[in-house]
Every structure is written in C-alpha cells, then in structure tokens.
Amino acid sequence: MKLQKIGGISAIASLFVWFVAVLIYNRFGLPSDPVKAMEAYSVAPVYPHIPLLLIEVCYILLMAFFLALHERMHAAAPYLTRIMLIAISAAAAMGIMEVVIWITGMQKIVPARDVSAYRALDAIFNGLHDAAGHAAMWATLFAGWAILKSRAFKPILGWLSLAASILAILRFIIPQVGLVYPFYIAYVAIIWMGIEMLRKKQPEVSSAANETAAL
C-alpha cells in the first residue's frame, strides 16, 4: 500500500510540475529564430534549462505512478502491465536523453554561433521529445487495457486511457487531422487514478478474473 500512496502523490505532483514547466518555458523560452535563440542563451543560459529539468522530474514521477499501477494490476494482467512498464521506461529514458543532449549540445554550439549545428540539435531534441511522448501514450494504452481487464479502477478510467492513447497515435500518424490534443484526456485519467490510489485500498482481484487472465 505504501507504493500506492507514492503513486497517487506522484500522479498529482507530475501535473503540478508539468504546469510549472510550461509557465517557465512561456516566460523564459528561447526564440524560434536560431540566431536570436543563441544570443538569448548566451546572455542567460540557466533559465532555458529549468523547464527541461522539470520535464525530467515529471517523467520520474510518472515512472513512480506506473510502478504503482503495475503493483495494483499485475496479478490480473501480468503481460499488459509489463509491456506498460517497458513503454513508460522507454519514454522516461528518451525524455532524459533529450534534456542531456540539448544542454550539452548548446554549451558547445552557442560559443561558435553555428546556425546549422543549432538546427540539427533542435531537430534531434524535437525528435526525442515526440518519441518520448509517443512511448508514454503507448504506456497509457496498455494501462487502459489492463484497467478494463483487471477491474482495478472504474471502467471509465480504462476507456479514457484508451481514448487518449488512440487519439495520440492517430494525431502522430496523421497530424493534418487536427484531433483534440490527447494529453489533456490522459492527464484527467492519471489524476483520477492518483486520487483513487490515495483514497481507497487496493481492491482484491476476483478469482474468476485471475483464472481468465490470459494477458
């Protein structure tokens, strides 16, 4: 039960950290123009790092949340929850990589004022950022599937998680469609699950669910 409380707190804290990161980025984010971005970075190199480091913290908190999900549902959905952990681990690894690559790259590129290198670094950073988000939504998909199978939470949380992940995958494959940004749907489910982890004890999975668990 201790991990369940940690997971619930982590779910709620991750939203707060993400919100603070967005606020700081909107205030101190670098301009889109490479030359202006390098000039701004050379004047105040610390501020652009803060939202990136907060994103790392957000991924670590989400890892704790998904570990709590695994503990809660692995008896009834062992394979689904294992794949879920693999996906969120990959997302967290890429999220940390993007921050490390960007910070170390900027420290080398900015003194040289190399616009081409900056654009290449920006492309790598954005690629890792999108890949991390994509992997996180796959983790959300398997979490939703596991919720419906294990009945560890209300079914609506499973359907919300599935809807958010499917929308995210479609939005990634066909960006022209202009679907609703699925991040908000996913976080509604995550916060709701976090509250449930803090409020309720872990439900006992029925013997019938254990017997029929094929995934």
Protein backbone atom coordinates (compact mmCIF):
# COMPACT_ATOMS: atom_id res chain seq x y z
CA MET A 1 0.00 0.00 0.00
CA LYS A 2 2.94 2.34 0.50
CA LEU A 3 3.71 2.24 -3.22
CA GLN A 4 0.05 3.01 -3.96
CA LYS A 5 0.26 6.21 -1.92
CA ILE A 6 3.55 7.16 -3.56
CA GLY A 7 1.97 6.52 -6.97
CA GLY A 8 -1.04 8.67 -6.14
CA ILE A 9 1.09 11.55 -4.90
CA SER A 10 3.38 11.20 -7.93
CA ALA A 11 0.43 11.37 -10.34
CA ILE A 12 -0.83 14.62 -8.84
CA ALA A 13 2.66 16.09 -8.43
CA SER A 14 3.54 15.33 -12.07
CA LEU A 15 0.71 17.59 -13.27
CA PHE A 16 1.89 20.39 -10.99
CA VAL A 17 5.50 20.02 -12.20
CA TRP A 18 4.38 20.00 -15.84
CA PHE A 19 2.28 23.14 -15.29
CA VAL A 20 5.21 24.97 -13.69
CA ALA A 21 7.50 23.85 -16.54
CA VAL A 22 5.07 25.28 -19.11
CA LEU A 23 4.82 28.59 -17.24
CA ILE A 24 8.60 28.94 -17.03
CA TYR A 25 9.03 27.97 -20.68
CA ASN A 26 6.48 30.57 -21.77
CA ARG A 27 8.38 33.18 -19.76
CA PHE A 28 11.98 32.21 -20.49
CA GLY A 29 11.75 30.02 -23.60
CA LEU A 30 14.17 30.70 -26.45
CA PRO A 31 13.00 32.41 -29.67
CA SER A 32 12.36 30.25 -32.72
CA ASP A 33 14.99 32.09 -34.76
CA PRO A 34 18.35 30.26 -34.31
CA VAL A 35 20.48 33.43 -34.18
CA LYS A 36 18.23 35.13 -31.63
CA ALA A 37 17.97 31.89 -29.64
CA MET A 38 21.75 31.57 -29.34
CA GLU A 39 22.06 35.23 -28.37
CA ALA A 40 19.42 34.85 -25.65
CA TYR A 41 21.04 31.65 -24.42
CA SER A 42 24.49 33.25 -24.18
CA VAL A 43 23.03 36.06 -22.02
CA ALA A 44 21.04 33.80 -19.64
CA PRO A 45 21.88 30.10 -20.13
CA VAL A 46 20.33 28.91 -16.87
CA TYR A 47 16.67 29.83 -17.37
CA PRO A 48 16.09 27.68 -20.50
CA HIS A 49 17.39 24.66 -18.57
CA ILE A 50 14.82 24.91 -15.79
CA PRO A 51 11.72 23.73 -17.71
CA LEU A 52 13.76 20.92 -19.27
CA LEU A 53 14.92 19.70 -15.86
CA LEU A 54 11.32 19.88 -14.63
CA ILE A 55 10.30 17.66 -17.56
CA GLU A 56 12.84 15.11 -16.30
CA VAL A 57 11.25 15.30 -12.86
CA CYS A 58 7.83 14.83 -14.46
CA TYR A 59 8.95 11.62 -16.19
CA ILE A 60 10.42 10.27 -12.93
CA LEU A 61 7.13 10.97 -11.15
CA LEU A 62 5.22 9.22 -13.93
CA MET A 63 7.54 6.22 -13.57
CA ALA A 64 6.58 6.00 -9.89
CA PHE A 65 2.89 6.26 -10.83
CA PHE A 66 3.13 3.48 -13.44
CA LEU A 67 5.06 1.29 -10.98
CA ALA A 68 2.12 1.67 -8.60
CA LEU A 69 -0.24 0.74 -11.44
CA HIS A 70 1.85 -2.36 -12.09
CA GLU A 71 1.66 -3.38 -8.43
CA ARG A 72 -2.10 -2.90 -8.42
CA MET A 73 -2.91 -4.79 -11.62
CA HIS A 74 -0.11 -7.28 -12.37
CA ALA A 75 -1.89 -10.23 -10.74
CA ALA A 76 -4.82 -9.99 -13.18
CA ALA A 77 -2.96 -8.57 -16.22
CA PRO A 78 0.72 -9.55 -15.89
CA TYR A 79 1.77 -9.20 -19.53
CA LEU A 80 -0.12 -5.98 -20.19
CA THR A 81 1.37 -4.31 -17.13
CA ARG A 82 4.89 -5.49 -18.03
CA ILE A 83 4.59 -4.04 -21.52
CA MET A 84 3.20 -0.88 -19.93
CA LEU A 85 6.32 -0.59 -17.75
CA ILE A 86 8.60 -1.17 -20.73
CA ALA A 87 6.85 1.61 -22.67
CA ILE A 88 6.98 4.17 -19.84
CA SER A 89 10.62 3.24 -19.13
CA ALA A 90 11.46 3.92 -22.78
CA ALA A 91 9.58 7.23 -22.59
CA ALA A 92 11.43 8.30 -19.45
CA ALA A 93 14.80 7.29 -20.95
CA MET A 94 14.18 9.31 -24.11
CA GLY A 95 12.86 12.24 -22.07
CA ILE A 96 16.06 12.34 -20.04
CA MET A 97 18.18 11.87 -23.17
CA GLU A 98 16.59 14.84 -24.92
CA VAL A 99 17.43 17.12 -21.98
CA VAL A 100 21.02 15.91 -21.65
CA ILE A 101 21.65 16.15 -25.40
CA TRP A 102 20.17 19.64 -25.65
CA ILE A 103 22.05 21.09 -22.67
CA THR A 104 25.43 19.62 -23.63
CA GLY A 105 24.88 20.48 -27.30
CA MET A 106 24.00 24.09 -26.57
CA GLN A 107 27.09 24.53 -24.42
CA LYS A 108 29.21 23.60 -27.45
CA ILE A 109 27.20 25.21 -30.24
CA VAL A 110 26.40 28.64 -28.79
CA PRO A 111 30.03 29.84 -28.38
CA ALA A 112 30.65 29.00 -32.06
CA ARG A 113 27.36 30.60 -33.21
CA ASP A 114 26.85 27.68 -35.59
CA VAL A 115 23.34 28.04 -37.01
CA SER A 116 23.43 24.74 -38.92
CA ALA A 117 24.51 22.84 -35.81
CA TYR A 118 21.76 24.54 -33.81
CA ARG A 119 19.11 23.46 -36.30
CA ALA A 120 20.43 19.89 -36.24
CA LEU A 121 20.39 19.88 -32.43
CA ASP A 122 16.87 21.27 -32.42
CA ALA A 123 15.72 18.54 -34.80
CA ILE A 124 17.26 15.83 -32.61
CA PHE A 125 15.73 17.35 -29.49
CA ASN A 126 12.25 17.59 -31.01
CA GLY A 127 12.53 14.06 -32.40
CA LEU A 128 13.37 12.62 -28.99
CA HIS A 129 10.67 14.76 -27.38
CA ASP A 130 8.00 13.44 -29.74
CA ALA A 131 9.27 9.87 -29.41
CA ALA A 132 9.14 10.09 -25.60
CA GLY A 133 5.58 11.38 -25.71
CA HIS A 134 4.62 8.68 -28.20
CA ALA A 135 6.04 5.92 -25.96
CA ALA A 136 4.23 7.42 -22.96
CA MET A 137 0.93 7.21 -24.81
CA TRP A 138 1.60 3.55 -25.64
CA ALA A 139 2.11 3.02 -21.91
CA THR A 140 -1.23 4.73 -21.37
CA LEU A 141 -2.87 2.44 -23.92
CA PHE A 142 -1.67 -0.71 -22.16
CA ALA A 143 -2.61 0.79 -18.79
CA GLY A 144 -6.16 1.37 -20.03
CA TRP A 145 -6.37 -2.15 -21.41
CA ALA A 146 -5.10 -3.56 -18.09
CA ILE A 147 -7.65 -1.50 -16.15
CA LEU A 148 -10.52 -2.94 -18.18
CA LYS A 149 -9.15 -6.45 -17.72
CA SER A 150 -8.28 -6.29 -14.04
CA ARG A 151 -11.13 -4.00 -12.91
CA ALA A 152 -8.67 -2.36 -10.52
CA PHE A 153 -10.29 1.02 -11.25
CA LYS A 154 -13.59 2.22 -12.61
CA PRO A 155 -14.04 1.17 -16.26
CA ILE A 156 -14.33 4.81 -17.35
CA LEU A 157 -10.66 5.30 -16.44
CA GLY A 158 -9.71 2.46 -18.75
CA TRP A 159 -11.77 3.90 -21.58
CA LEU A 160 -10.35 7.40 -21.04
CA SER A 161 -6.81 6.00 -21.16
CA LEU A 162 -7.55 4.04 -24.33
CA ALA A 163 -9.22 7.05 -25.96
CA ALA A 164 -6.29 9.35 -25.14
CA SER A 165 -3.69 6.90 -26.43
CA ILE A 166 -5.55 6.10 -29.65
CA LEU A 167 -6.06 9.82 -30.35
CA ALA A 168 -2.37 10.43 -29.70
CA ILE A 169 -1.31 7.68 -32.10
CA LEU A 170 -3.69 8.94 -34.81
CA ARG A 171 -2.53 12.52 -34.26
CA PHE A 172 1.09 11.40 -34.63
CA ILE A 173 0.45 9.41 -37.81
CA ILE A 174 -1.97 11.92 -39.40
CA PRO A 175 -1.18 15.36 -37.92
CA GLN A 176 -3.34 17.06 -40.56
CA VAL A 177 -6.48 15.64 -38.96
CA GLY A 178 -6.25 18.18 -36.12
CA LEU A 179 -7.63 15.93 -33.42
CA VAL A 180 -8.06 17.21 -29.85
CA TYR A 181 -4.73 17.21 -28.08
CA PRO A 182 -4.91 13.87 -26.19
CA PHE A 183 -2.53 14.92 -23.42
CA TYR A 184 -5.40 16.54 -21.52
CA ILE A 185 -7.57 13.43 -21.70
CA ALA A 186 -4.67 11.28 -20.49
CA TYR A 187 -3.96 13.55 -17.54
CA VAL A 188 -7.61 13.54 -16.48
CA ALA A 189 -7.36 9.76 -16.21
CA ILE A 190 -3.96 9.88 -14.47
CA ILE A 191 -5.07 12.41 -11.84
CA TRP A 192 -8.30 10.49 -11.28
CA MET A 193 -6.34 7.26 -10.77
CA GLY A 194 -3.92 9.06 -8.46
CA ILE A 195 -6.81 10.24 -6.30
CA GLU A 196 -8.23 6.72 -6.21
CA MET A 197 -4.84 5.38 -5.08
CA LEU A 198 -4.82 7.83 -2.18
CA ARG A 199 -8.45 7.33 -1.19
CA LYS A 200 -9.03 3.61 -1.46
CA LYS A 201 -7.30 0.42 -0.52
CA GLN A 202 -6.21 -1.88 -3.31
CA PRO A 203 -9.23 -3.97 -4.34
CA GLU A 204 -8.98 -7.70 -4.21
CA VAL A 205 -9.00 -9.20 -7.66
CA SER A 206 -11.62 -11.89 -8.00
CA SER A 207 -10.57 -15.48 -8.52
CA ALA A 208 -12.56 -15.51 -11.75
CA ALA A 209 -10.50 -12.62 -13.09
CA ASN A 210 -7.29 -14.43 -12.18
CA GLU A 211 -8.43 -17.60 -13.88
CA THR A 212 -9.45 -15.85 -17.10
CA ALA A 213 -6.39 -13.56 -17.25
CA ALA A 214 -4.69 -14.53 -20.45
CA LEU A 215 -2.61 -11.34 -20.80
